[in-house]
């Protein structure tokens, strides 16, 4: 499962093996071996990959179909703590404002559309 997931993540962001290897400070051949199930990664690499792609380790190794870290888990990871806290603040503000999940989705879609048009 790990081999499929690492390849999936790499392809989703449009990185070559060489580009991802450079970003993760490893070798292209090492990543190739992981993707082709010729070598199993050590736990340090699994953690590094999960942090880089912001996915859960359990998802990477096939223990769950839940791909992303929960905000509670993100708060415990120093690299994500600030971002997680900001999401929680925004959710609290939305709740206090009486905005529904549908309202928030519409607002986010407008912002993304505006950003994509370069406005």
C-alpha atoms as a PDB file:
ATOM      1  CA  UNK A   1       0.000   0.000   0.000  1.00  0.00           C
ATOM      2  CA  UNK A   2       2.831   2.440   0.840  1.00  0.00           C
ATOM      3  CA  UNK A   3       4.250   2.063  -2.650  1.00  0.00           C
ATOM      4  CA  UNK A   4       0.924   2.985  -4.232  1.00  0.00           C
ATOM      5  CA  UNK A   5       0.384   5.932  -1.935  1.00  0.00           C
ATOM      6  CA  UNK A   6       3.801   7.505  -2.397  1.00  0.00           C
ATOM      7  CA  UNK A   7       3.418   7.299  -6.173  1.00  0.00           C
ATOM      8  CA  UNK A   8      -0.111   8.679  -5.984  1.00  0.00           C
ATOM      9  CA  UNK A   9       1.017  11.677  -3.926  1.00  0.00           C
ATOM     10  CA  UNK A  10       3.977  12.363  -6.158  1.00  0.00           C
ATOM     11  CA  UNK A  11       1.880  12.229  -9.318  1.00  0.00           C
ATOM     12  CA  UNK A  12      -0.931  14.355  -7.847  1.00  0.00           C
ATOM     13  CA  UNK A  13       1.470  17.268  -7.372  1.00  0.00           C
ATOM     14  CA  UNK A  14       3.240  16.607 -10.665  1.00  0.00           C
ATOM     15  CA  UNK A  15       6.686  15.772  -9.304  1.00  0.00           C
ATOM     16  CA  UNK A  16       9.190  13.441 -10.893  1.00  0.00           C
ATOM     17  CA  UNK A  17      11.056  10.934  -8.757  1.00  0.00           C
ATOM     18  CA  UNK A  18      14.115  13.162  -9.015  1.00  0.00           C
ATOM     19  CA  UNK A  19      12.242  16.293  -7.899  1.00  0.00           C
ATOM     20  CA  UNK A  20      10.652  14.573  -4.918  1.00  0.00           C
ATOM     21  CA  UNK A  21      13.956  12.987  -3.938  1.00  0.00           C
ATOM     22  CA  UNK A  22      15.587  16.410  -3.919  1.00  0.00           C
ATOM     23  CA  UNK A  23      12.811  17.891  -1.766  1.00  0.00           C
ATOM     24  CA  UNK A  24      13.009  15.023   0.712  1.00  0.00           C
ATOM     25  CA  UNK A  25      16.807  14.895   0.738  1.00  0.00           C
ATOM     26  CA  UNK A  26      17.029  11.347  -0.540  1.00  0.00           C
ATOM     27  CA  UNK A  27      17.935   9.563  -3.766  1.00  0.00           C
ATOM     28  CA  UNK A  28      15.792   9.009  -6.851  1.00  0.00           C
ATOM     29  CA  UNK A  29      16.765   5.327  -6.790  1.00  0.00           C
ATOM     30  CA  UNK A  30      15.573   5.020  -3.187  1.00  0.00           C
ATOM     31  CA  UNK A  31      12.164   6.463  -4.053  1.00  0.00           C
ATOM     32  CA  UNK A  32      11.955   4.206  -7.079  1.00  0.00           C
ATOM     33  CA  UNK A  33      12.598   1.182  -4.890  1.00  0.00           C
ATOM     34  CA  UNK A  34       9.853   2.302  -2.489  1.00  0.00           C
ATOM     35  CA  UNK A  35       7.382   2.778  -5.348  1.00  0.00           C
ATOM     36  CA  UNK A  36       8.229  -0.594  -6.849  1.00  0.00           C
ATOM     37  CA  UNK A  37       8.116  -2.434  -3.501  1.00  0.00           C
ATOM     38  CA  UNK A  38      11.787  -3.353  -3.717  1.00  0.00           C
ATOM     39  CA  UNK A  39      12.605  -1.662  -0.446  1.00  0.00           C
ATOM     40  CA  UNK A  40      10.667  -0.736   2.689  1.00  0.00           C
ATOM     41  CA  UNK A  41      11.159   2.748   4.128  1.00  0.00           C
ATOM     42  CA  UNK A  42      12.304   3.353   7.681  1.00  0.00           C
ATOM     43  CA  UNK A  43       9.983   5.180  10.060  1.00  0.00           C
ATOM     44  CA  UNK A  44      11.939   8.440   9.773  1.00  0.00           C
ATOM     45  CA  UNK A  45      11.279   8.575   6.047  1.00  0.00           C
ATOM     46  CA  UNK A  46       7.585   7.724   6.486  1.00  0.00           C
ATOM     47  CA  UNK A  47       7.269  10.608   8.960  1.00  0.00           C
ATOM     48  CA  UNK A  48       9.139  12.973   6.626  1.00  0.00           C
ATOM     49  CA  UNK A  49       6.872  12.021   3.720  1.00  0.00           C
ATOM     50  CA  UNK A  50       3.712  12.427   5.802  1.00  0.00           C
ATOM     51  CA  UNK A  51       4.827  15.873   6.946  1.00  0.00           C
ATOM     52  CA  UNK A  52       5.778  16.941   3.438  1.00  0.00           C
ATOM     53  CA  UNK A  53       2.414  15.975   1.945  1.00  0.00           C
ATOM     54  CA  UNK A  54       0.401  16.749   5.109  1.00  0.00           C
ATOM     55  CA  UNK A  55      -1.179  13.302   5.232  1.00  0.00           C
ATOM     56  CA  UNK A  56      -1.507  10.813   8.051  1.00  0.00           C
ATOM     57  CA  UNK A  57       1.024   8.055   8.515  1.00  0.00           C
ATOM     58  CA  UNK A  58      -1.835   5.591   8.946  1.00  0.00           C
ATOM     59  CA  UNK A  59      -3.113   6.523   5.475  1.00  0.00           C
ATOM     60  CA  UNK A  60       0.363   6.251   3.942  1.00  0.00           C
ATOM     61  CA  UNK A  61       0.827   2.698   5.172  1.00  0.00           C
ATOM     62  CA  UNK A  62      -2.729   1.610   4.375  1.00  0.00           C
ATOM     63  CA  UNK A  63      -4.188   1.411   7.884  1.00  0.00           C
ATOM     64  CA  UNK A  64      -7.014   3.832   7.061  1.00  0.00           C
ATOM     65  CA  UNK A  65      -8.764   5.480   4.161  1.00  0.00           C
ATOM     66  CA  UNK A  66      -8.722   8.780   6.085  1.00  0.00           C
ATOM     67  CA  UNK A  67      -5.997  10.616   4.219  1.00  0.00           C
ATOM     68  CA  UNK A  68      -5.573  13.787   6.197  1.00  0.00           C
ATOM     69  CA  UNK A  69      -4.452  14.598   9.684  1.00  0.00           C
ATOM     70  CA  UNK A  70      -7.159  15.849  11.991  1.00  0.00           C
ATOM     71  CA  UNK A  71      -6.771  19.368  13.346  1.00  0.00           C
ATOM     72  CA  UNK A  72      -6.162  17.878  16.785  1.00  0.00           C
ATOM     73  CA  UNK A  73      -3.254  15.861  15.411  1.00  0.00           C
ATOM     74  CA  UNK A  74      -1.979  18.826  13.413  1.00  0.00           C
ATOM     75  CA  UNK A  75      -1.854  20.915  16.585  1.00  0.00           C
ATOM     76  CA  UNK A  76       0.605  18.407  18.028  1.00  0.00           C
ATOM     77  CA  UNK A  77       3.002  18.642  15.071  1.00  0.00           C
ATOM     78  CA  UNK A  78       5.211  21.732  15.426  1.00  0.00           C
ATOM     79  CA  UNK A  79       5.297  22.341  11.662  1.00  0.00           C
ATOM     80  CA  UNK A  80       1.474  22.506  11.501  1.00  0.00           C
ATOM     81  CA  UNK A  81       0.507  23.908  14.897  1.00  0.00           C
ATOM     82  CA  UNK A  82       0.086  27.513  13.754  1.00  0.00           C
ATOM     83  CA  UNK A  83      -1.910  26.518  10.666  1.00  0.00           C
ATOM     84  CA  UNK A  84      -4.170  24.191  12.667  1.00  0.00           C
ATOM     85  CA  UNK A  85      -4.819  26.843  15.292  1.00  0.00           C
ATOM     86  CA  UNK A  86      -5.754  29.317  12.549  1.00  0.00           C
ATOM     87  CA  UNK A  87      -8.244  26.856  11.035  1.00  0.00           C
ATOM     88  CA  UNK A  88      -9.808  26.389  14.447  1.00  0.00           C
ATOM     89  CA  UNK A  89     -10.064  30.173  14.939  1.00  0.00           C
ATOM     90  CA  UNK A  90     -11.750  30.576  11.549  1.00  0.00           C
ATOM     91  CA  UNK A  91     -14.180  27.730  12.310  1.00  0.00           C
ATOM     92  CA  UNK A  92     -15.020  29.324  15.654  1.00  0.00           C
ATOM     93  CA  UNK A  93     -15.622  32.693  13.966  1.00  0.00           C
ATOM     94  CA  UNK A  94     -17.883  31.058  11.373  1.00  0.00           C
ATOM     95  CA  UNK A  95     -19.825  29.249  14.105  1.00  0.00           C
ATOM     96  CA  UNK A  96     -20.241  32.423  16.147  1.00  0.00           C
ATOM     97  CA  UNK A  97     -21.393  34.297  13.035  1.00  0.00           C
ATOM     98  CA  UNK A  98     -24.106  31.731  12.397  1.00  0.00           C
ATOM     99  CA  UNK A  99     -22.653  30.639   9.071  1.00  0.00           C
ATOM    100  CA  UNK A 100     -23.557  27.150   7.964  1.00  0.00           C
ATOM    101  CA  UNK A 101     -21.167  24.714   6.312  1.00  0.00           C
ATOM    102  CA  UNK A 102     -22.963  25.484   3.018  1.00  0.00           C
ATOM    103  CA  UNK A 103     -22.376  29.213   3.549  1.00  0.00           C
ATOM    104  CA  UNK A 104     -18.691  28.614   4.170  1.00  0.00           C
ATOM    105  CA  UNK A 105     -18.390  26.398   1.106  1.00  0.00           C
ATOM    106  CA  UNK A 106     -19.981  29.101  -1.091  1.00  0.00           C
ATOM    107  CA  UNK A 107     -17.657  31.765   0.353  1.00  0.00           C
ATOM    108  CA  UNK A 108     -14.601  29.600  -0.221  1.00  0.00           C
ATOM    109  CA  UNK A 109     -15.659  28.830  -3.798  1.00  0.00           C
ATOM    110  CA  UNK A 110     -16.038  32.569  -4.531  1.00  0.00           C
ATOM    111  CA  UNK A 111     -12.594  33.273  -3.072  1.00  0.00           C
ATOM    112  CA  UNK A 112     -10.976  30.454  -5.075  1.00  0.00           C
ATOM    113  CA  UNK A 113     -12.707  31.590  -8.262  1.00  0.00           C
ATOM    114  CA  UNK A 114     -11.584  35.184  -7.696  1.00  0.00           C
ATOM    115  CA  UNK A 115      -8.034  34.078  -6.928  1.00  0.00           C
ATOM    116  CA  UNK A 116      -7.885  31.868 -10.029  1.00  0.00           C
ATOM    117  CA  UNK A 117      -8.991  34.801 -12.208  1.00  0.00           C
ATOM    118  CA  UNK A 118      -6.215  36.933 -10.689  1.00  0.00           C
ATOM    119  CA  UNK A 119      -8.618  39.535  -9.332  1.00  0.00           C
END
